[in-house]
Full PDB file with SEQRES, HELIX, SHEET, SSBOND, CRYST1, ORIGX, SCALE, CONECT and MASTER records, all heavy atoms in Angstrom:
SEQRES   1 A   38  VAL PHE THR ALA LYS LYS GLN GLY LYS SER THR LEU ALA          
SEQRES   2 A   38  ALA GLY ILE VAL ASN TYR ALA LEU LEU ALA GLY GLY ARG          
SEQRES   3 A   38  ARG ALA GLU VAL TYR GLY VAL ALA HIS THR ARG ASP              
HELIX    1 AA1 LYS A    9  ALA A   23  1                                  15    
CRYST1    1.000    1.000    1.000  90.00  90.00  90.00 P 1           1          
ORIGX1      1.000000  0.000000  0.000000        0.00000                         
ORIGX2      0.000000  1.000000  0.000000        0.00000                         
ORIGX3      0.000000  0.000000  1.000000        0.00000                         
SCALE1      1.000000  0.000000  0.000000        0.00000                         
SCALE2      0.000000  1.000000  0.000000        0.00000                         
SCALE3      0.000000  0.000000  1.000000        0.00000                         
ATOM      1  N   VAL A   1     110.814 105.234 119.405  1.00  0.00           N  
ATOM      2  CA  VAL A   1     110.426 106.319 120.265  1.00  0.00           C  
ATOM      3  C   VAL A   1     111.429 106.465 121.366  1.00  0.00           C  
ATOM      4  O   VAL A   1     111.731 105.560 122.082  1.00  0.00           O  
ATOM      5  CB  VAL A   1     108.980 106.051 120.841  1.00  0.00           C  
ATOM      6  CG1 VAL A   1     108.625 107.197 121.821  1.00  0.00           C  
ATOM      7  CG2 VAL A   1     107.994 105.877 119.854  1.00  0.00           C  
ATOM      8  N   PHE A   2     112.067 107.658 121.425  1.00  0.00           N  
ATOM      9  CA  PHE A   2     113.052 107.945 122.435  1.00  0.00           C  
ATOM     10  C   PHE A   2     112.519 109.079 123.274  1.00  0.00           C  
ATOM     11  O   PHE A   2     112.391 110.163 122.803  1.00  0.00           O  
ATOM     12  CB  PHE A   2     114.397 108.269 121.742  1.00  0.00           C  
ATOM     13  CG  PHE A   2     114.979 107.215 120.941  1.00  0.00           C  
ATOM     14  CD1 PHE A   2     114.754 107.171 119.573  1.00  0.00           C  
ATOM     15  CD2 PHE A   2     115.782 106.225 121.539  1.00  0.00           C  
ATOM     16  CE1 PHE A   2     115.313 106.125 118.786  1.00  0.00           C  
ATOM     17  CE2 PHE A   2     116.333 105.292 120.784  1.00  0.00           C  
ATOM     18  CZ  PHE A   2     116.080 105.164 119.419  1.00  0.00           C  
ATOM     19  N   THR A   3     112.265 108.790 124.563  1.00  0.00           N  
ATOM     20  CA  THR A   3     111.866 109.811 125.460  1.00  0.00           C  
ATOM     21  C   THR A   3     112.138 109.256 126.922  1.00  0.00           C  
ATOM     22  O   THR A   3     112.500 108.131 127.021  1.00  0.00           O  
ATOM     23  CB  THR A   3     110.347 110.119 125.323  1.00  0.00           C  
ATOM     24  OG1 THR A   3     110.066 111.281 126.120  1.00  0.00           O  
ATOM     25  CG2 THR A   3     109.469 109.045 125.669  1.00  0.00           C  
ATOM     26  N   ALA A   4     112.066 110.178 127.824  1.00  0.00           N  
ATOM     27  CA  ALA A   4     112.405 109.769 129.246  1.00  0.00           C  
ATOM     28  C   ALA A   4     111.497 108.594 129.726  1.00  0.00           C  
ATOM     29  O   ALA A   4     110.366 108.445 129.179  1.00  0.00           O  
ATOM     30  CB  ALA A   4     112.258 110.972 130.136  1.00  0.00           C  
ATOM     31  N   LYS A   5     111.918 107.995 130.813  1.00  0.00           N  
ATOM     32  CA  LYS A   5     111.064 106.965 131.529  1.00  0.00           C  
ATOM     33  C   LYS A   5     109.833 107.550 131.979  1.00  0.00           C  
ATOM     34  O   LYS A   5     109.689 108.775 132.218  1.00  0.00           O  
ATOM     35  CB  LYS A   5     111.901 106.421 132.692  1.00  0.00           C  
ATOM     36  CG  LYS A   5     113.071 105.575 132.335  1.00  0.00           C  
ATOM     37  CD  LYS A   5     113.703 105.101 133.568  1.00  0.00           C  
ATOM     38  CE  LYS A   5     114.849 104.092 133.297  1.00  0.00           C  
ATOM     39  NZ  LYS A   5     115.447 103.473 134.517  1.00  0.00           N  
ATOM     40  N   LYS A   6     108.840 106.706 132.059  1.00  0.00           N  
ATOM     41  CA  LYS A   6     107.516 106.994 132.552  1.00  0.00           C  
ATOM     42  C   LYS A   6     106.801 108.022 131.764  1.00  0.00           C  
ATOM     43  O   LYS A   6     106.015 108.801 132.335  1.00  0.00           O  
ATOM     44  CB  LYS A   6     107.633 107.506 134.049  1.00  0.00           C  
ATOM     45  CG  LYS A   6     108.376 106.524 134.974  1.00  0.00           C  
ATOM     46  CD  LYS A   6     107.552 105.226 135.055  1.00  0.00           C  
ATOM     47  CE  LYS A   6     108.317 104.164 135.892  1.00  0.00           C  
ATOM     48  NZ  LYS A   6     107.759 102.850 135.794  1.00  0.00           N  
ATOM     49  N   GLN A   7     106.971 108.002 130.470  1.00  0.00           N  
ATOM     50  CA  GLN A   7     106.229 108.868 129.547  1.00  0.00           C  
ATOM     51  C   GLN A   7     105.148 108.191 128.797  1.00  0.00           C  
ATOM     52  O   GLN A   7     104.543 108.779 127.867  1.00  0.00           O  
ATOM     53  CB  GLN A   7     107.246 109.600 128.593  1.00  0.00           C  
ATOM     54  CG  GLN A   7     108.209 110.458 129.307  1.00  0.00           C  
ATOM     55  CD  GLN A   7     107.636 111.558 130.167  1.00  0.00           C  
ATOM     56  OE1 GLN A   7     106.764 112.283 129.696  1.00  0.00           O  
ATOM     57  NE2 GLN A   7     107.972 111.570 131.432  1.00  0.00           N  
ATOM     58  N   GLY A   8     104.979 106.883 128.983  1.00  0.00           N  
ATOM     59  CA  GLY A   8     103.865 106.161 128.267  1.00  0.00           C  
ATOM     60  C   GLY A   8     104.286 105.475 127.012  1.00  0.00           C  
ATOM     61  O   GLY A   8     103.480 105.112 126.184  1.00  0.00           O  
ATOM     62  N   LYS A   9     105.623 105.238 126.855  1.00  0.00           N  
ATOM     63  CA  LYS A   9     106.093 104.592 125.659  1.00  0.00           C  
ATOM     64  C   LYS A   9     105.540 103.212 125.554  1.00  0.00           C  
ATOM     65  O   LYS A   9     105.047 102.737 124.468  1.00  0.00           O  
ATOM     66  CB  LYS A   9     107.617 104.534 125.607  1.00  0.00           C  
ATOM     67  CG  LYS A   9     108.279 105.847 125.558  1.00  0.00           C  
ATOM     68  CD  LYS A   9     109.819 105.756 125.510  1.00  0.00           C  
ATOM     69  CE  LYS A   9     110.370 105.046 126.702  1.00  0.00           C  
ATOM     70  NZ  LYS A   9     110.423 105.801 127.964  1.00  0.00           N  
ATOM     71  N   SER A  10     105.573 102.384 126.608  1.00  0.00           N  
ATOM     72  CA  SER A  10     105.152 101.044 126.634  1.00  0.00           C  
ATOM     73  C   SER A  10     103.658 100.934 126.346  1.00  0.00           C  
ATOM     74  O   SER A  10     103.157 100.089 125.605  1.00  0.00           O  
ATOM     75  CB  SER A  10     105.451 100.324 127.853  1.00  0.00           C  
ATOM     76  OG  SER A  10     106.900 100.199 128.013  1.00  0.00           O  
ATOM     77  N   THR A  11     102.852 101.790 126.938  1.00  0.00           N  
ATOM     78  CA  THR A  11     101.433 101.865 126.751  1.00  0.00           C  
ATOM     79  C   THR A  11     101.057 102.150 125.341  1.00  0.00           C  
ATOM     80  O   THR A  11     100.223 101.568 124.743  1.00  0.00           O  
ATOM     81  CB  THR A  11     100.789 102.854 127.768  1.00  0.00           C  
ATOM     82  OG1 THR A  11     101.162 102.503 129.072  1.00  0.00           O  
ATOM     83  CG2 THR A  11      99.279 102.786 127.601  1.00  0.00           C  
ATOM     84  N   LEU A  12     101.798 103.143 124.701  1.00  0.00           N  
ATOM     85  CA  LEU A  12     101.576 103.547 123.305  1.00  0.00           C  
ATOM     86  C   LEU A  12     101.903 102.347 122.445  1.00  0.00           C  
ATOM     87  O   LEU A  12     101.181 102.007 121.584  1.00  0.00           O  
ATOM     88  CB  LEU A  12     102.413 104.814 122.992  1.00  0.00           C  
ATOM     89  CG  LEU A  12     102.296 105.240 121.550  1.00  0.00           C  
ATOM     90  CD1 LEU A  12     100.895 105.720 121.250  1.00  0.00           C  
ATOM     91  CD2 LEU A  12     103.288 106.325 121.304  1.00  0.00           C  
ATOM     92  N   ALA A  13     103.049 101.706 122.727  1.00  0.00           N  
ATOM     93  CA  ALA A  13     103.493 100.592 121.894  1.00  0.00           C  
ATOM     94  C   ALA A  13     102.453  99.478 121.963  1.00  0.00           C  
ATOM     95  O   ALA A  13     102.162  98.796 120.942  1.00  0.00           O  
ATOM     96  CB  ALA A  13     104.792 100.086 122.299  1.00  0.00           C  
ATOM     97  N   ALA A  14     101.921  99.174 123.178  1.00  0.00           N  
ATOM     98  CA  ALA A  14     100.866  98.146 123.290  1.00  0.00           C  
ATOM     99  C   ALA A  14      99.663  98.474 122.456  1.00  0.00           C  
ATOM    100  O   ALA A  14      98.994  97.580 121.849  1.00  0.00           O  
ATOM    101  CB  ALA A  14     100.521  97.984 124.807  1.00  0.00           C  
ATOM    102  N   GLY A  15      99.249  99.792 122.464  1.00  0.00           N  
ATOM    103  CA  GLY A  15      98.126 100.135 121.644  1.00  0.00           C  
ATOM    104  C   GLY A  15      98.399  99.986 120.152  1.00  0.00           C  
ATOM    105  O   GLY A  15      97.539  99.464 119.360  1.00  0.00           O  
ATOM    106  N   ILE A  16      99.603 100.279 119.778  1.00  0.00           N  
ATOM    107  CA  ILE A  16      99.997 100.084 118.348  1.00  0.00           C  
ATOM    108  C   ILE A  16      99.976  98.575 118.047  1.00  0.00           C  
ATOM    109  O   ILE A  16      99.617  98.185 116.887  1.00  0.00           O  
ATOM    110  CB  ILE A  16     101.424 100.696 118.069  1.00  0.00           C  
ATOM    111  CG1 ILE A  16     101.294 102.207 118.161  1.00  0.00           C  
ATOM    112  CG2 ILE A  16     101.965 100.306 116.729  1.00  0.00           C  
ATOM    113  CD1 ILE A  16     102.730 102.940 118.119  1.00  0.00           C  
ATOM    114  N   VAL A  17     100.434  97.715 118.884  1.00  0.00           N  
ATOM    115  CA  VAL A  17     100.395  96.267 118.715  1.00  0.00           C  
ATOM    116  C   VAL A  17      98.988  95.823 118.379  1.00  0.00           C  
ATOM    117  O   VAL A  17      98.737  95.182 117.365  1.00  0.00           O  
ATOM    118  CB  VAL A  17     100.882  95.469 119.963  1.00  0.00           C  
ATOM    119  CG1 VAL A  17     100.486  94.060 119.957  1.00  0.00           C  
ATOM    120  CG2 VAL A  17     102.455  95.617 120.035  1.00  0.00           C  
ATOM    121  N   ASN A  18      98.036  96.220 119.200  1.00  0.00           N  
ATOM    122  CA  ASN A  18      96.708  95.838 118.962  1.00  0.00           C  
ATOM    123  C   ASN A  18      96.076  96.374 117.669  1.00  0.00           C  
ATOM    124  O   ASN A  18      95.342  95.718 117.002  1.00  0.00           O  
ATOM    125  CB  ASN A  18      95.798  96.122 120.166  1.00  0.00           C  
ATOM    126  CG  ASN A  18      96.144  95.273 121.381  1.00  0.00           C  
ATOM    127  OD1 ASN A  18      96.410  94.121 121.189  1.00  0.00           O  
ATOM    128  ND2 ASN A  18      96.204  95.968 122.574  1.00  0.00           N  
ATOM    129  N   TYR A  19      96.375  97.640 117.361  1.00  0.00           N  
ATOM    130  CA  TYR A  19      95.970  98.188 116.161  1.00  0.00           C  
ATOM    131  C   TYR A  19      96.580  97.523 114.920  1.00  0.00           C  
ATOM    132  O   TYR A  19      95.869  97.119 114.025  1.00  0.00           O  
ATOM    133  CB  TYR A  19      96.301  99.679 116.084  1.00  0.00           C  
ATOM    134  CG  TYR A  19      95.910 100.356 114.714  1.00  0.00           C  
ATOM    135  CD1 TYR A  19      94.546 100.714 114.588  1.00  0.00           C  
ATOM    136  CD2 TYR A  19      96.733 100.516 113.674  1.00  0.00           C  
ATOM    137  CE1 TYR A  19      94.140 101.254 113.321  1.00  0.00           C  
ATOM    138  CE2 TYR A  19      96.347 101.046 112.458  1.00  0.00           C  
ATOM    139  CZ  TYR A  19      94.981 101.424 112.346  1.00  0.00           C  
ATOM    140  OH  TYR A  19      94.541 101.910 111.114  1.00  0.00           O  
ATOM    141  N   ALA A  20      97.857  97.211 114.984  1.00  0.00           N  
ATOM    142  CA  ALA A  20      98.510  96.530 113.891  1.00  0.00           C  
ATOM    143  C   ALA A  20      97.946  95.100 113.666  1.00  0.00           C  
ATOM    144  O   ALA A  20      97.781  94.751 112.531  1.00  0.00           O  
ATOM    145  CB  ALA A  20     100.052  96.415 114.125  1.00  0.00           C  
ATOM    146  N   LEU A  21      97.562  94.506 114.720  1.00  0.00           N  
ATOM    147  CA  LEU A  21      97.004  93.118 114.493  1.00  0.00           C  
ATOM    148  C   LEU A  21      95.637  93.208 113.861  1.00  0.00           C  
ATOM    149  O   LEU A  21      95.241  92.484 112.937  1.00  0.00           O  
ATOM    150  CB  LEU A  21      96.746  92.495 115.903  1.00  0.00           C  
ATOM    151  CG  LEU A  21      98.027  91.678 116.376  1.00  0.00           C  
ATOM    152  CD1 LEU A  21      97.758  91.159 117.768  1.00  0.00           C  
ATOM    153  CD2 LEU A  21      98.413  90.533 115.420  1.00  0.00           C  
ATOM    154  N   LEU A  22      94.829  94.169 114.260  1.00  0.00           N  
ATOM    155  CA  LEU A  22      93.425  94.313 113.767  1.00  0.00           C  
ATOM    156  C   LEU A  22      93.361  94.978 112.410  1.00  0.00           C  
ATOM    157  O   LEU A  22      92.484  94.628 111.690  1.00  0.00           O  
ATOM    158  CB  LEU A  22      92.569  95.067 114.824  1.00  0.00           C  
ATOM    159  CG  LEU A  22      92.326  94.330 116.151  1.00  0.00           C  
ATOM    160  CD1 LEU A  22      91.762  95.273 117.188  1.00  0.00           C  
ATOM    161  CD2 LEU A  22      91.439  93.200 115.870  1.00  0.00           C  
ATOM    162  N   ALA A  23      94.313  95.800 112.151  1.00  0.00           N  
ATOM    163  CA  ALA A  23      94.236  96.512 110.805  1.00  0.00           C  
ATOM    164  C   ALA A  23      95.215  96.009 109.840  1.00  0.00           C  
ATOM    165  O   ALA A  23      95.301  96.476 108.713  1.00  0.00           O  
ATOM    166  CB  ALA A  23      94.529  98.053 111.061  1.00  0.00           C  
ATOM    167  N   GLY A  24      96.060  95.060 110.194  1.00  0.00           N  
ATOM    168  CA  GLY A  24      97.161  94.644 109.416  1.00  0.00           C  
ATOM    169  C   GLY A  24      96.801  93.653 108.221  1.00  0.00           C  
ATOM    170  O   GLY A  24      97.642  93.292 107.395  1.00  0.00           O  
ATOM    171  N   GLY A  25      95.540  93.213 108.176  1.00  0.00           N  
ATOM    172  CA  GLY A  25      95.162  92.345 107.043  1.00  0.00           C  
ATOM    173  C   GLY A  25      95.550  90.928 107.306  1.00  0.00           C  
ATOM    174  O   GLY A  25      96.006  90.561 108.424  1.00  0.00           O  
ATOM    175  N   ARG A  26      95.414  90.065 106.299  1.00  0.00           N  
ATOM    176  CA  ARG A  26      95.663  88.706 106.444  1.00  0.00           C  
ATOM    177  C   ARG A  26      97.124  88.351 106.694  1.00  0.00           C  
ATOM    178  O   ARG A  26      98.047  88.990 106.085  1.00  0.00           O  
ATOM    179  CB  ARG A  26      95.273  87.947 105.192  1.00  0.00           C  
ATOM    180  CG  ARG A  26      93.779  87.854 105.009  1.00  0.00           C  
ATOM    181  CD  ARG A  26      93.454  86.568 104.265  1.00  0.00           C  
ATOM    182  NE  ARG A  26      92.061  86.295 104.363  1.00  0.00           N  
ATOM    183  CZ  ARG A  26      91.578  85.675 105.450  1.00  0.00           C  
ATOM    184  NH1 ARG A  26      92.315  85.263 106.422  1.00  0.00           N  
ATOM    185  NH2 ARG A  26      90.276  85.412 105.547  1.00  0.00           N  
ATOM    186  N   ARG A  27      97.331  87.482 107.751  1.00  0.00           N  
ATOM    187  CA  ARG A  27      98.688  86.970 108.011  1.00  0.00           C  
ATOM    188  C   ARG A  27      99.664  88.052 108.471  1.00  0.00           C  
ATOM    189  O   ARG A  27     100.844  87.911 108.166  1.00  0.00           O  
ATOM    190  CB  ARG A  27      99.222  86.047 106.914  1.00  0.00           C  
ATOM    191  CG  ARG A  27      98.232  84.898 106.644  1.00  0.00           C  
ATOM    192  CD  ARG A  27      98.801  83.879 105.722  1.00  0.00           C  
ATOM    193  NE  ARG A  27      99.936  83.181 106.354  1.00  0.00           N  
ATOM    194  CZ  ARG A  27     100.933  82.764 105.780  1.00  0.00           C  
ATOM    195  NH1 ARG A  27     101.122  82.945 104.490  1.00  0.00           N  
ATOM    196  NH2 ARG A  27     101.974  82.198 106.499  1.00  0.00           N  
ATOM    197  N   ALA A  28      99.189  89.095 109.120  1.00  0.00           N  
ATOM    198  CA  ALA A  28     100.078  90.155 109.571  1.00  0.00           C  
ATOM    199  C   ALA A  28     100.973  89.592 110.712  1.00  0.00           C  
ATOM    200  O   ALA A  28     100.488  88.790 111.536  1.00  0.00           O  
ATOM    201  CB  ALA A  28      99.326  91.323 110.059  1.00  0.00           C  
ATOM    202  N   GLU A  29     102.196  89.875 110.685  1.00  0.00           N  
ATOM    203  CA  GLU A  29     103.180  89.490 111.736  1.00  0.00           C  
ATOM    204  C   GLU A  29     103.662  90.832 112.401  1.00  0.00           C  
ATOM    205  O   GLU A  29     104.275  91.655 111.741  1.00  0.00           O  
ATOM    206  CB  GLU A  29     104.317  88.717 111.164  1.00  0.00           C  
ATOM    207  CG  GLU A  29     103.849  87.372 110.484  1.00  0.00           C  
ATOM    208  CD  GLU A  29     105.064  86.593 109.976  1.00  0.00           C  
ATOM    209  OE1 GLU A  29     106.254  86.912 110.216  1.00  0.00           O  
ATOM    210  OE2 GLU A  29     104.742  85.615 109.242  1.00  0.00           O  
ATOM    211  N   VAL A  30     103.489  90.896 113.727  1.00  0.00           N  
ATOM    212  CA  VAL A  30     103.750  92.027 114.411  1.00  0.00           C  
ATOM    213  C   VAL A  30     104.805  91.597 115.500  1.00  0.00           C  
ATOM    214  O   VAL A  30     104.557  90.648 116.280  1.00  0.00           O  
ATOM    215  CB  VAL A  30     102.599  92.681 115.149  1.00  0.00           C  
ATOM    216  CG1 VAL A  30     102.960  93.940 115.893  1.00  0.00           C  
ATOM    217  CG2 VAL A  30     101.552  93.020 114.066  1.00  0.00           C  
ATOM    218  N   TYR A  31     105.957  92.175 115.624  1.00  0.00           N  
ATOM    219  CA  TYR A  31     106.971  91.788 116.596  1.00  0.00           C  
ATOM    220  C   TYR A  31     107.377  92.930 117.439  1.00  0.00           C  
ATOM    221  O   TYR A  31     107.456  94.079 117.026  1.00  0.00           O  
ATOM    222  CB  TYR A  31     108.267  91.287 115.906  1.00  0.00           C  
ATOM    223  CG  TYR A  31     107.953  90.035 115.021  1.00  0.00           C  
ATOM    224  CD1 TYR A  31     107.773  90.138 113.678  1.00  0.00           C  
ATOM    225  CD2 TYR A  31     108.014  88.795 115.596  1.00  0.00           C  
ATOM    226  CE1 TYR A  31     107.515  88.964 112.886  1.00  0.00           C  
ATOM    227  CE2 TYR A  31     107.800  87.608 114.858  1.00  0.00           C  
ATOM    228  CZ  TYR A  31     107.578  87.751 113.470  1.00  0.00           C  
ATOM    229  OH  TYR A  31     107.362  86.669 112.700  1.00  0.00           O  
ATOM    230  N   GLY A  32     107.598  92.651 118.710  1.00  0.00           N  
ATOM    231  CA  GLY A  32     108.142  93.588 119.642  1.00  0.00           C  
ATOM    232  C   GLY A  32     109.437  93.016 120.203  1.00  0.00           C  
ATOM    233  O   GLY A  32     109.443  91.919 120.746  1.00  0.00           O  
ATOM    234  N   VAL A  33     110.549  93.688 119.979  1.00  0.00           N  
ATOM    235  CA  VAL A  33     111.865  93.166 120.365  1.00  0.00           C  
ATOM    236  C   VAL A  33     112.472  94.086 121.430  1.00  0.00           C  
ATOM    237  O   VAL A  33     112.542  95.252 121.250  1.00  0.00           O  
ATOM    238  CB  VAL A  33     112.753  93.059 119.181  1.00  0.00           C  
ATOM    239  CG1 VAL A  33     114.149  92.460 119.591  1.00  0.00           C  
ATOM    240  CG2 VAL A  33     112.145  92.229 118.071  1.00  0.00           C  
ATOM    241  N   ALA A  34     112.983  93.483 122.534  1.00  0.00           N  
ATOM    242  CA  ALA A  34     113.678  94.252 123.511  1.00  0.00           C  
ATOM    243  C   ALA A  34     114.963  93.500 123.910  1.00  0.00           C  
ATOM    244  O   ALA A  34     115.165  92.399 123.405  1.00  0.00           O  
ATOM    245  CB  ALA A  34     112.790  94.247 124.752  1.00  0.00           C  
ATOM    246  N   HIS A  35     115.776  94.060 124.740  1.00  0.00           N  
ATOM    247  CA  HIS A  35     116.975  93.436 125.078  1.00  0.00           C  
ATOM    248  C   HIS A  35     116.816  92.115 125.773  1.00  0.00           C  
ATOM    249  O   HIS A  35     117.525  91.160 125.516  1.00  0.00           O  
ATOM    250  CB  HIS A  35     117.883  94.340 126.018  1.00  0.00           C  
ATOM    251  CG  HIS A  35     118.594  95.428 125.246  1.00  0.00           C  
ATOM    252  ND1 HIS A  35     119.601  95.207 124.429  1.00  0.00           N  
ATOM    253  CD2 HIS A  35     118.335  96.766 125.304  1.00  0.00           C  
ATOM    254  CE1 HIS A  35     119.965  96.389 123.907  1.00  0.00           C  
ATOM    255  NE2 HIS A  35     119.272  97.377 124.395  1.00  0.00           N  
ATOM    256  N   THR A  36     115.847  92.069 126.733  1.00  0.00           N  
ATOM    257  CA  THR A  36     115.654  90.837 127.493  1.00  0.00           C  
ATOM    258  C   THR A  36     114.131  90.391 127.341  1.00  0.00           C  
ATOM    259  O   THR A  36     113.249  91.210 126.932  1.00  0.00           O  
ATOM    260  CB  THR A  36     115.911  91.100 128.990  1.00  0.00           C  
ATOM    261  OG1 THR A  36     114.927  91.955 129.448  1.00  0.00           O  
ATOM    262  CG2 THR A  36     117.320  91.591 129.212  1.00  0.00           C  
ATOM    263  N   ARG A  37     113.909  89.121 127.684  1.00  0.00           N  
ATOM    264  CA  ARG A  37     112.490  88.557 127.612  1.00  0.00           C  
ATOM    265  C   ARG A  37     111.620  89.420 128.583  1.00  0.00           C  
ATOM    266  O   ARG A  37     110.490  89.654 128.271  1.00  0.00           O  
ATOM    267  CB  ARG A  37     112.613  87.096 127.969  1.00  0.00           C  
ATOM    268  CG  ARG A  37     111.261  86.376 127.832  1.00  0.00           C  
ATOM    269  CD  ARG A  37     111.485  84.914 127.833  1.00  0.00           C  
ATOM    270  NE  ARG A  37     110.214  84.204 127.955  1.00  0.00           N  
ATOM    271  CZ  ARG A  37     109.333  83.957 127.027  1.00  0.00           C  
ATOM    272  NH1 ARG A  37     109.581  84.484 125.863  1.00  0.00           N  
ATOM    273  NH2 ARG A  37     108.226  83.237 127.212  1.00  0.00           N  
ATOM    274  N   ASP A  38     112.155  89.805 129.743  1.00  0.00           N  
ATOM    275  CA  ASP A  38     111.395  90.555 130.751  1.00  0.00           C  
ATOM    276  C   ASP A  38     110.911  91.910 130.138  1.00  0.00           C  
ATOM    277  O   ASP A  38     109.828  92.266 130.365  1.00  0.00           O  
ATOM    278  CB  ASP A  38     112.137  90.709 132.050  1.00  0.00           C  
ATOM    279  CG  ASP A  38     112.336  89.425 132.836  1.00  0.00           C  
ATOM    280  OD1 ASP A  38     111.472  88.443 132.619  1.00  0.00           O  
ATOM    281  OD2 ASP A  38     113.170  89.452 133.732  1.00  0.00           O  
TER     282      ASP A  38                                                      
MASTER        0    0    0    1    0    0    0    6  281    1    0    3          
END                                                                             
C-alpha cells in the first residue's frame, strides 16, 4: 500500500494481521517486515 502519511495504512495492516491469523487456517504464518524493528 503506497499512500501519504497519516492515511491509516498501519491501522489497516494491523486489521489484516488479525484477520489473517483468524482466517488463515492451521499453522498460518503472518509476517510484517519494515526497515527497522521500531
